[in-house]
């Protein structure tokens, strides 16, 4: 599902770069931090809400799980609508703060204004994607993503290549693709789902706050991406102008594609961890941790090798060969790609602790990698080693964060082992007690 979602996001970048130009590609990246706000909100509710709903089902209360799902969905629509209105109200100072140059300003406005009305549907789409898995139907989410992605790609081609709508066409294609996925999700959870359905919600403020708190690491991740994208834009512009901003735009699109399998795996296994945690099945949790880490190692190696082999073909999708922006992007991407060896472990760590309702530890792991680490190295390395330091900031942050992730996962594994041994002792104790019939 995440591979498909990343593909149609990348498709936007390809059509923008090919049919509108590198300046439009740079403009879409400049306003991206604003969209991280709604993405962060949606993923926070999707991850935290999915963990809460799956845990509630693991405790045996499907009725309450459905009511909580409805509450989370309605809250997401309300909050994303409010956020869209606030961004529209303060759009001019926001774009000035994000560094929209006079040459890019008009395209930035066109892109953000067109996307704002689709914020609620984007939020619902992400919530539904997480809950398809909790409902036991991940294939349903995959098929919806395929339909939405194909529609988005077709609309991008229609609006930009045929109708010449420019960057506005890219925003319309994205928004309408998300709307299609949302309508399918509404229908599914109204009458086709297995375990979770829309039911009249009960205003459980504590449960809603718990879901938001538990998903706060995902909010931290998205806000961190917004902040680091902003810093990347400012720093690359100072070194290489609009071509530098276009280069980081392409690299971030390529990163999204190559890490999508890592993100998708972490999101896919999260409800399983949540369910087993709710059922207090600590032996299964230990087994799942081992399997998950082995898979992450394999996927990370595949992503790294793929990045080295496919570097130039990937970049050529976005930019014509031979230009200044193209050469900057190729050189930068080959350095940036070392992050793919390590980022999967950090992504999994944050998602894992969200899944077992430990939002605090999840937020710490996310903050260490996505904000503190990248910002520190992004400000430090270019001063020490020049322009190459910009591209090495993310690998350096991942290397530092993976040490913290290893410690946190080891500590949690020890905790699960103790809980498992304690439960076994209790079971053995009760097994030797005389039954009620024997006492009679």
Protein backbone atom coordinates (compact mmCIF):
# COMPACT_ATOMS: atom_id res chain seq x y z
CA UNK A 1 0.00 0.00 0.00
CA UNK A 2 2.76 2.43 0.94
CA UNK A 3 4.69 1.60 -2.25
CA UNK A 4 1.62 2.49 -4.32
CA UNK A 5 0.97 5.68 -2.33
CA UNK A 6 4.60 6.73 -2.76
CA UNK A 7 4.44 5.90 -6.46
CA UNK A 8 1.56 8.24 -7.14
CA UNK A 9 3.17 10.94 -4.99
CA UNK A 10 6.34 10.50 -7.02
CA UNK A 11 4.23 10.58 -10.19
CA UNK A 12 3.21 14.13 -9.25
CA UNK A 13 6.88 15.09 -9.11
CA UNK A 14 7.63 13.41 -12.43
CA UNK A 15 4.81 15.21 -14.26
CA UNK A 16 5.64 18.54 -12.62
CA UNK A 17 9.33 18.23 -13.51
CA UNK A 18 8.65 17.04 -17.06
CA UNK A 19 5.65 19.15 -18.11
CA UNK A 20 5.90 22.28 -15.95
CA UNK A 21 9.63 22.60 -15.20
CA UNK A 22 12.23 22.53 -12.44
CA UNK A 23 11.00 25.84 -10.99
CA UNK A 24 7.55 24.35 -10.42
CA UNK A 25 9.20 21.30 -8.85
CA UNK A 26 11.09 23.62 -6.51
CA UNK A 27 7.82 25.49 -5.72
CA UNK A 28 6.05 22.27 -4.72
CA UNK A 29 8.92 21.47 -2.35
CA UNK A 30 8.90 24.95 -0.83
CA UNK A 31 5.25 24.64 0.25
CA UNK A 32 5.63 20.99 1.31
CA UNK A 33 6.32 21.86 4.98
CA UNK A 34 2.82 23.38 5.17
CA UNK A 35 1.31 20.06 4.04
CA UNK A 36 3.35 18.24 6.67
CA UNK A 37 1.05 19.83 9.23
CA UNK A 38 -2.04 18.05 7.90
CA UNK A 39 -0.06 14.88 7.13
CA UNK A 40 1.25 14.90 10.69
CA UNK A 41 -2.25 15.39 12.08
CA UNK A 42 -3.68 12.61 9.90
CA UNK A 43 -0.90 10.10 10.57
CA UNK A 44 -1.01 10.88 14.29
CA UNK A 45 -4.72 10.01 14.38
CA UNK A 46 -4.27 7.04 12.02
CA UNK A 47 -1.38 5.46 13.94
CA UNK A 48 -2.53 6.28 17.44
CA UNK A 49 -6.16 5.52 16.59
CA UNK A 50 -5.29 2.23 14.89
CA UNK A 51 -3.27 1.13 17.92
CA UNK A 52 -6.14 2.04 20.26
CA UNK A 53 -8.78 0.32 18.11
CA UNK A 54 -6.67 -2.86 17.64
CA UNK A 55 -5.85 -2.96 21.36
CA UNK A 56 -9.56 -2.57 22.21
CA UNK A 57 -10.39 -5.49 19.89
CA UNK A 58 -7.59 -7.53 21.49
CA UNK A 59 -9.33 -6.92 24.82
CA UNK A 60 -12.51 -8.39 23.30
CA UNK A 61 -14.67 -5.25 22.90
CA UNK A 62 -15.47 -4.85 19.18
CA UNK A 63 -18.44 -2.55 19.79
CA UNK A 64 -16.30 0.00 21.63
CA UNK A 65 -13.57 -0.36 19.00
CA UNK A 66 -16.04 0.67 16.26
CA UNK A 67 -17.28 3.67 18.24
CA UNK A 68 -13.73 4.81 18.84
CA UNK A 69 -12.93 4.43 15.15
CA UNK A 70 -15.88 6.72 14.29
CA UNK A 71 -14.78 9.27 16.89
CA UNK A 72 -11.23 9.35 15.50
CA UNK A 73 -12.48 9.77 11.91
CA UNK A 74 -14.85 12.65 12.77
CA UNK A 75 -12.15 14.36 14.84
CA UNK A 76 -9.72 14.08 11.92
CA UNK A 77 -12.16 15.76 9.53
CA UNK A 78 -12.86 18.59 11.97
CA UNK A 79 -9.21 19.28 12.83
CA UNK A 80 -7.98 19.10 9.21
CA UNK A 81 -10.73 21.49 8.08
CA UNK A 82 -9.72 23.96 10.77
CA UNK A 83 -6.07 23.64 9.78
CA UNK A 84 -6.88 24.23 6.09
CA UNK A 85 -8.78 27.42 7.00
CA UNK A 86 -5.89 28.71 9.14
CA UNK A 87 -3.35 28.06 6.37
CA UNK A 88 -5.56 29.91 3.87
CA UNK A 89 -5.96 32.83 6.30
CA UNK A 90 -2.21 33.24 6.87
CA UNK A 91 -1.00 32.09 3.46
CA UNK A 92 1.05 35.17 2.47
CA UNK A 93 3.19 35.37 5.65
CA UNK A 94 3.52 31.57 5.59
CA UNK A 95 4.94 31.50 2.05
CA UNK A 96 7.27 34.38 2.85
CA UNK A 97 8.55 32.46 5.88
CA UNK A 98 9.04 29.28 3.84
CA UNK A 99 11.30 31.17 1.45
CA UNK A 100 9.18 31.45 -1.70
CA UNK A 101 11.25 33.64 -4.01
CA UNK A 102 9.51 36.10 -6.39
CA UNK A 103 10.19 33.72 -9.29
CA UNK A 104 8.39 30.86 -7.52
CA UNK A 105 5.73 32.74 -5.53
CA UNK A 106 2.82 32.48 -8.00
CA UNK A 107 3.27 28.74 -8.48
CA UNK A 108 3.49 28.23 -4.70
CA UNK A 109 0.14 30.02 -4.30
CA UNK A 110 -1.53 28.02 -7.08
CA UNK A 111 -0.39 24.73 -5.59
CA UNK A 112 -1.36 25.36 -1.97
CA UNK A 113 -4.73 27.03 -2.70
CA UNK A 114 -5.82 24.12 -4.89
CA UNK A 115 -4.88 21.49 -2.31
CA UNK A 116 -6.39 23.11 0.82
CA UNK A 117 -10.02 21.97 0.18
CA UNK A 118 -8.82 18.36 -0.04
CA UNK A 119 -7.24 18.28 3.44
CA UNK A 120 -10.25 16.51 5.06
CA UNK A 121 -10.33 13.77 2.41
CA UNK A 122 -6.56 13.28 2.68
CA UNK A 123 -6.96 12.85 6.44
CA UNK A 124 -9.74 10.29 6.08
CA UNK A 125 -7.78 8.38 3.44
CA UNK A 126 -4.81 7.94 5.80
CA UNK A 127 -7.03 6.94 8.73
CA UNK A 128 -8.84 4.38 6.58
CA UNK A 129 -5.52 2.98 5.28
CA UNK A 130 -4.43 2.21 8.84
CA UNK A 131 -7.81 0.76 9.85
CA UNK A 132 -8.04 -1.57 6.82
CA UNK A 133 -5.14 -3.44 8.45
CA UNK A 134 -6.74 -3.42 11.89
CA UNK A 135 -9.92 -4.78 10.26
CA UNK A 136 -7.95 -7.74 8.96
CA UNK A 137 -8.18 -6.67 5.31
CA UNK A 138 -4.83 -5.18 4.26
CA UNK A 139 -5.49 -6.29 0.67
CA UNK A 140 -8.51 -3.96 0.66
CA UNK A 141 -6.28 -1.01 1.50
CA UNK A 142 -3.82 -2.06 -1.18
CA UNK A 143 -6.53 -2.23 -3.87
CA UNK A 144 -7.93 1.16 -2.85
CA UNK A 145 -4.43 2.63 -3.05
CA UNK A 146 -3.94 1.14 -6.54
CA UNK A 147 -7.23 2.62 -7.78
CA UNK A 148 -6.46 6.00 -6.25
CA UNK A 149 -2.90 5.96 -7.61
CA UNK A 150 -3.94 5.08 -11.16
CA UNK A 151 -6.60 7.80 -11.10
CA UNK A 152 -4.07 10.31 -9.82
CA UNK A 153 -1.55 9.41 -12.55
CA UNK A 154 -4.22 9.64 -15.25
CA UNK A 155 -5.45 13.01 -13.97
CA UNK A 156 -1.88 14.32 -13.75
CA UNK A 157 -1.35 13.42 -17.41
CA UNK A 158 -4.71 14.88 -18.40
CA UNK A 159 -4.40 18.14 -16.47
CA UNK A 160 -0.71 18.87 -17.09
CA UNK A 161 0.27 17.16 -20.34
CA UNK A 162 -3.00 17.64 -22.25
CA UNK A 163 -4.86 20.59 -20.70
CA UNK A 164 -1.78 22.59 -19.67
CA UNK A 165 -3.04 23.44 -16.19
CA UNK A 166 0.49 23.48 -14.79
CA UNK A 167 1.07 22.96 -11.08
CA UNK A 168 -2.64 23.49 -10.41
CA UNK A 169 -3.28 20.30 -12.38
CA UNK A 170 -0.88 18.39 -10.13
CA UNK A 171 -2.76 19.55 -7.04
CA UNK A 172 -6.14 18.67 -8.59
CA UNK A 173 -4.93 15.19 -9.57
CA UNK A 174 -3.68 14.53 -6.04
CA UNK A 175 -6.83 15.85 -4.37
CA UNK A 176 -9.26 13.97 -6.61
CA UNK A 177 -7.28 10.73 -6.24
CA UNK A 178 -7.46 11.07 -2.44
CA UNK A 179 -11.17 11.83 -2.64
CA UNK A 180 -11.82 8.63 -4.61
CA UNK A 181 -9.94 6.57 -1.98
CA UNK A 182 -11.93 8.27 0.80
CA UNK A 183 -15.32 7.54 -0.82
CA UNK A 184 -14.39 3.87 -1.19
CA UNK A 185 -13.30 3.79 2.46
CA UNK A 186 -16.57 5.36 3.64
CA UNK A 187 -18.54 2.73 1.73
CA UNK A 188 -16.36 -0.10 3.05
CA UNK A 189 -16.58 0.85 6.72
CA UNK A 190 -20.30 1.55 6.41
CA UNK A 191 -21.40 -1.87 5.16
CA UNK A 192 -18.55 -4.14 3.97
CA UNK A 193 -16.02 -4.35 6.81
CA UNK A 194 -15.36 -7.46 8.92
CA UNK A 195 -14.65 -6.19 12.41
CA UNK A 196 -14.90 -2.39 12.50
CA UNK A 197 -17.84 -0.31 11.27
CA UNK A 198 -19.08 3.23 11.56
CA UNK A 199 -21.21 3.46 14.67
CA UNK A 200 -22.55 6.42 16.62
CA UNK A 201 -19.45 7.69 18.48
CA UNK A 202 -19.35 8.38 22.19
CA UNK A 203 -17.41 11.51 23.08
CA UNK A 204 -14.54 9.85 24.92
CA UNK A 205 -12.17 12.71 25.49
CA UNK A 206 -9.72 10.49 27.35
CA UNK A 207 -9.62 7.90 24.55
CA UNK A 208 -9.17 10.61 21.89
CA UNK A 209 -6.35 12.24 23.84
CA UNK A 210 -4.78 8.79 24.34
CA UNK A 211 -4.88 8.12 20.59
CA UNK A 212 -3.37 11.54 19.81
CA UNK A 213 -0.71 11.14 22.49
CA UNK A 214 0.13 7.65 21.33
CA UNK A 215 0.44 8.84 17.73
CA UNK A 216 2.40 11.94 18.71
CA UNK A 217 5.65 10.41 17.45
CA UNK A 218 4.18 10.30 13.94
CA UNK A 219 3.23 13.97 14.32
CA UNK A 220 6.80 14.67 15.45
CA UNK A 221 8.07 12.76 12.41
CA UNK A 222 5.96 14.74 9.94
CA UNK A 223 6.69 18.09 11.58
CA UNK A 224 10.36 17.17 11.60
CA UNK A 225 10.19 16.36 7.89
CA UNK A 226 8.61 19.77 7.34
CA UNK A 227 11.30 21.55 9.34
CA UNK A 228 14.16 19.63 7.73
CA UNK A 229 12.67 20.17 4.25
CA UNK A 230 12.55 23.89 5.04
CA UNK A 231 16.20 23.82 6.13
CA UNK A 232 17.20 21.77 3.08
CA UNK A 233 15.50 24.35 0.84
CA UNK A 234 17.23 27.29 2.53
CA UNK A 235 20.68 25.68 2.61
CA UNK A 236 20.61 24.23 -0.93
CA UNK A 237 19.34 27.57 -2.25
CA UNK A 238 22.27 29.35 -0.60
CA UNK A 239 24.72 26.90 -2.25
CA UNK A 240 23.13 26.32 -5.67
CA UNK A 241 20.04 28.55 -6.10
CA UNK A 242 16.82 27.18 -7.64
CA UNK A 243 18.74 24.22 -9.08
CA UNK A 244 19.75 23.19 -5.57
CA UNK A 245 16.13 23.31 -4.38
CA UNK A 246 15.05 21.27 -7.41
CA UNK A 247 17.79 18.73 -6.60
CA UNK A 248 16.66 18.21 -3.01
CA UNK A 249 13.07 17.95 -4.25
CA UNK A 250 13.99 15.05 -6.53
CA UNK A 251 16.10 13.35 -3.84
CA UNK A 252 13.24 13.53 -1.33
CA UNK A 253 10.84 12.07 -3.90
CA UNK A 254 13.30 9.23 -4.56
CA UNK A 255 13.74 8.68 -0.82
CA UNK A 256 9.97 8.41 -0.42
CA UNK A 257 9.85 5.73 -3.11
CA UNK A 258 12.81 3.67 -1.85
CA UNK A 259 11.81 3.79 1.84
CA UNK A 260 8.13 3.12 1.16
CA UNK A 261 8.58 -0.62 1.65
CA UNK A 262 10.17 0.08 5.06
CA UNK A 263 7.39 2.47 6.08
CA UNK A 264 4.74 0.09 4.74
CA UNK A 265 6.17 -2.88 6.63
CA UNK A 266 6.31 -0.93 9.91
CA UNK A 267 2.73 0.31 9.45
CA UNK A 268 1.54 -3.13 8.39
CA UNK A 269 2.83 -5.00 11.44
CA UNK A 270 1.84 -2.30 13.95
CA UNK A 271 -1.80 -3.49 14.45
CA UNK A 272 -0.54 -7.06 14.97
CA UNK A 273 1.74 -5.85 17.76
CA UNK A 274 -1.16 -3.80 19.19
CA UNK A 275 -3.52 -6.78 19.17
CA UNK A 276 -1.01 -9.15 20.82
CA UNK A 277 -0.11 -6.47 23.36
CA UNK A 278 -3.79 -6.04 24.24
CA UNK A 279 -4.09 -9.83 24.58
CA UNK A 280 -0.92 -9.89 26.77
CA UNK A 281 0.64 -12.54 24.52
CA UNK A 282 4.26 -11.71 25.35
CA UNK A 283 5.75 -14.84 23.80
CA UNK A 284 4.24 -13.93 20.43
CA UNK A 285 5.44 -10.33 20.82
CA UNK A 286 9.03 -11.58 21.28
CA UNK A 287 8.74 -13.77 18.18
CA UNK A 288 7.26 -10.92 16.13
CA UNK A 289 10.05 -8.52 17.18
CA UNK A 290 12.69 -10.95 15.90
CA UNK A 291 10.88 -11.55 12.61
CA UNK A 292 10.28 -7.83 12.08
CA UNK A 293 13.93 -6.88 12.60
CA UNK A 294 15.09 -9.60 10.19
CA UNK A 295 12.69 -8.31 7.55
CA UNK A 296 13.79 -4.71 8.12
CA UNK A 297 17.42 -5.75 7.59
CA UNK A 298 16.53 -7.43 4.29
CA UNK A 299 14.38 -4.55 3.05
CA UNK A 300 17.07 -2.01 3.99
CA UNK A 301 19.68 -3.84 1.97
CA UNK A 302 17.34 -4.05 -1.03
CA UNK A 303 16.60 -0.30 -0.82
CA UNK A 304 20.30 0.60 -0.63
CA UNK A 305 21.31 -1.63 -3.55
CA UNK A 306 18.34 -0.35 -5.57
CA UNK A 307 19.37 3.25 -4.89
CA UNK A 308 22.88 2.63 -6.24
CA UNK A 309 21.69 0.78 -9.36
CA UNK A 310 18.71 3.00 -10.18
CA UNK A 311 20.13 6.41 -9.22
CA UNK A 312 20.45 7.91 -12.70
CA UNK A 313 17.28 6.32 -14.19
CA UNK A 314 15.26 7.55 -11.19
CA UNK A 315 16.57 11.10 -11.46
CA UNK A 316 16.10 11.12 -15.24
CA UNK A 317 12.36 10.59 -14.65
CA UNK A 318 12.20 14.04 -13.05
CA UNK A 319 14.87 16.06 -14.83
CA UNK A 320 16.42 16.10 -18.32
CA UNK A 321 19.90 14.62 -18.50
CA UNK A 322 22.83 16.99 -18.63
CA UNK A 323 21.55 20.11 -16.92
CA UNK A 324 22.99 21.72 -13.80
CA UNK A 325 20.11 20.51 -11.62
CA UNK A 326 20.58 16.96 -12.92
CA UNK A 327 24.30 16.75 -12.09
CA UNK A 328 23.78 18.24 -8.62
CA UNK A 329 21.01 15.70 -7.95
CA UNK A 330 23.04 12.65 -9.06
CA UNK A 331 26.04 13.58 -6.91
CA UNK A 332 23.85 14.36 -3.92
CA UNK A 333 21.74 11.22 -4.19
CA UNK A 334 24.73 8.86 -4.20
CA UNK A 335 25.78 10.30 -0.82
CA UNK A 336 22.25 10.54 0.57
CA UNK A 337 21.51 6.87 -0.26
CA UNK A 338 23.64 5.55 2.63
CA UNK A 339 20.71 6.43 4.90
CA UNK A 340 18.68 3.57 3.38
CA UNK A 341 20.85 1.03 5.21
CA UNK A 342 19.77 2.35 8.62
CA UNK A 343 16.55 4.36 8.35
CA UNK A 344 14.30 1.26 8.40
CA UNK A 345 15.35 0.36 11.95
CA UNK A 346 14.58 3.87 13.17
CA UNK A 347 11.22 3.95 11.38
CA UNK A 348 10.30 0.57 12.87
CA UNK A 349 11.33 1.59 16.40
CA UNK A 350 9.04 4.62 16.41
CA UNK A 351 6.12 2.66 14.94
CA UNK A 352 6.65 -0.28 17.30
CA UNK A 353 6.40 1.81 20.46
CA UNK A 354 3.30 3.54 19.08
CA UNK A 355 1.79 0.09 18.50
CA UNK A 356 2.30 -0.96 22.14
CA UNK A 357 0.82 2.35 23.39
CA UNK A 358 4.14 3.84 24.52
CA UNK A 359 3.80 7.21 22.84
CA UNK A 360 6.52 8.84 24.94
CA UNK A 361 9.28 6.44 23.88
CA UNK A 362 8.03 6.53 20.29
CA UNK A 363 8.24 10.33 20.28
CA UNK A 364 11.76 10.25 21.73
CA UNK A 365 12.95 7.83 19.03
CA UNK A 366 11.31 9.91 16.30
CA UNK A 367 12.66 13.20 17.65
CA UNK A 368 16.21 11.86 17.95
CA UNK A 369 16.34 10.92 14.29
CA UNK A 370 13.97 13.20 12.43
CA UNK A 371 14.53 16.51 14.16
CA UNK A 372 17.49 16.68 16.52
CA UNK A 373 19.82 14.50 14.46
CA UNK A 374 19.09 15.83 10.98
CA UNK A 375 18.97 19.48 12.07
CA UNK A 376 22.25 19.24 13.97
CA UNK A 377 24.12 17.52 11.14
CA UNK A 378 22.48 19.70 8.48
CA UNK A 379 23.74 22.83 10.22
CA UNK A 380 27.15 21.36 11.11
CA UNK A 381 28.40 19.21 8.22
CA UNK A 382 28.20 21.80 5.38
CA UNK A 383 30.41 24.10 7.44
CA UNK A 384 32.95 21.31 7.95
CA UNK A 385 33.07 19.57 4.55
CA UNK A 386 31.19 21.86 2.17
CA UNK A 387 28.17 21.10 -0.05
CA UNK A 388 28.62 17.31 0.36
CA UNK A 389 27.69 17.77 4.02
CA UNK A 390 24.12 18.65 2.99
CA UNK A 391 23.62 15.20 1.48
CA UNK A 392 25.41 13.35 4.31
CA UNK A 393 23.30 14.94 7.07
CA UNK A 394 20.53 12.31 6.90
CA UNK A 395 22.89 9.27 6.87
CA UNK A 396 24.76 10.75 9.84
CA UNK A 397 21.49 11.29 11.74
CA UNK A 398 20.38 7.71 10.98
CA UNK A 399 23.69 6.30 12.22
CA UNK A 400 23.34 8.16 15.50
CA UNK A 401 19.65 7.31 15.94
CA UNK A 402 20.09 3.59 15.23
CA UNK A 403 22.22 3.30 18.38
CA UNK A 404 19.35 4.73 20.44
CA UNK A 405 16.87 2.46 18.63
CA UNK A 406 18.95 -0.61 19.46
CA UNK A 407 19.01 0.31 23.14
CA UNK A 408 15.26 1.00 23.30
CA UNK A 409 14.31 -2.23 21.51
CA UNK A 410 16.67 -4.32 23.65
CA UNK A 411 15.24 -2.82 26.83
CA UNK A 412 11.68 -3.50 25.70
CA UNK A 413 12.60 -7.06 24.71
CA UNK A 414 13.93 -7.68 28.21
CA UNK A 415 10.70 -6.29 29.64
CA UNK A 416 8.61 -8.64 27.49
CA UNK A 417 10.74 -11.61 28.58
CA UNK A 418 10.18 -10.78 32.25
CA UNK A 419 6.43 -10.41 31.72
CA UNK A 420 6.34 -13.72 29.81
CA UNK A 421 8.20 -15.56 32.58
CA UNK A 422 5.94 -14.01 35.22
CA UNK A 423 2.83 -15.12 33.33
CA UNK A 424 4.18 -18.66 32.91
CA UNK A 425 4.81 -18.90 36.65
CA UNK A 426 1.25 -17.74 37.35
CA UNK A 427 -0.20 -20.26 34.89
CA UNK A 428 1.83 -23.10 36.43
CA UNK A 429 0.69 -22.06 39.90
CA UNK A 430 -3.00 -22.13 38.97
CA UNK A 431 -2.59 -25.37 37.04
CA UNK A 432 -1.64 -27.21 40.25
CA UNK A 433 -4.51 -25.80 42.30
CA UNK A 434 -7.50 -28.20 42.83
CA UNK A 435 -10.54 -27.45 40.63
CA UNK A 436 -13.88 -26.44 42.10
CA UNK A 437 -15.43 -29.85 41.35
CA UNK A 438 -12.59 -31.61 43.20
CA UNK A 439 -13.12 -29.39 46.26
CA UNK A 440 -16.79 -30.29 46.33
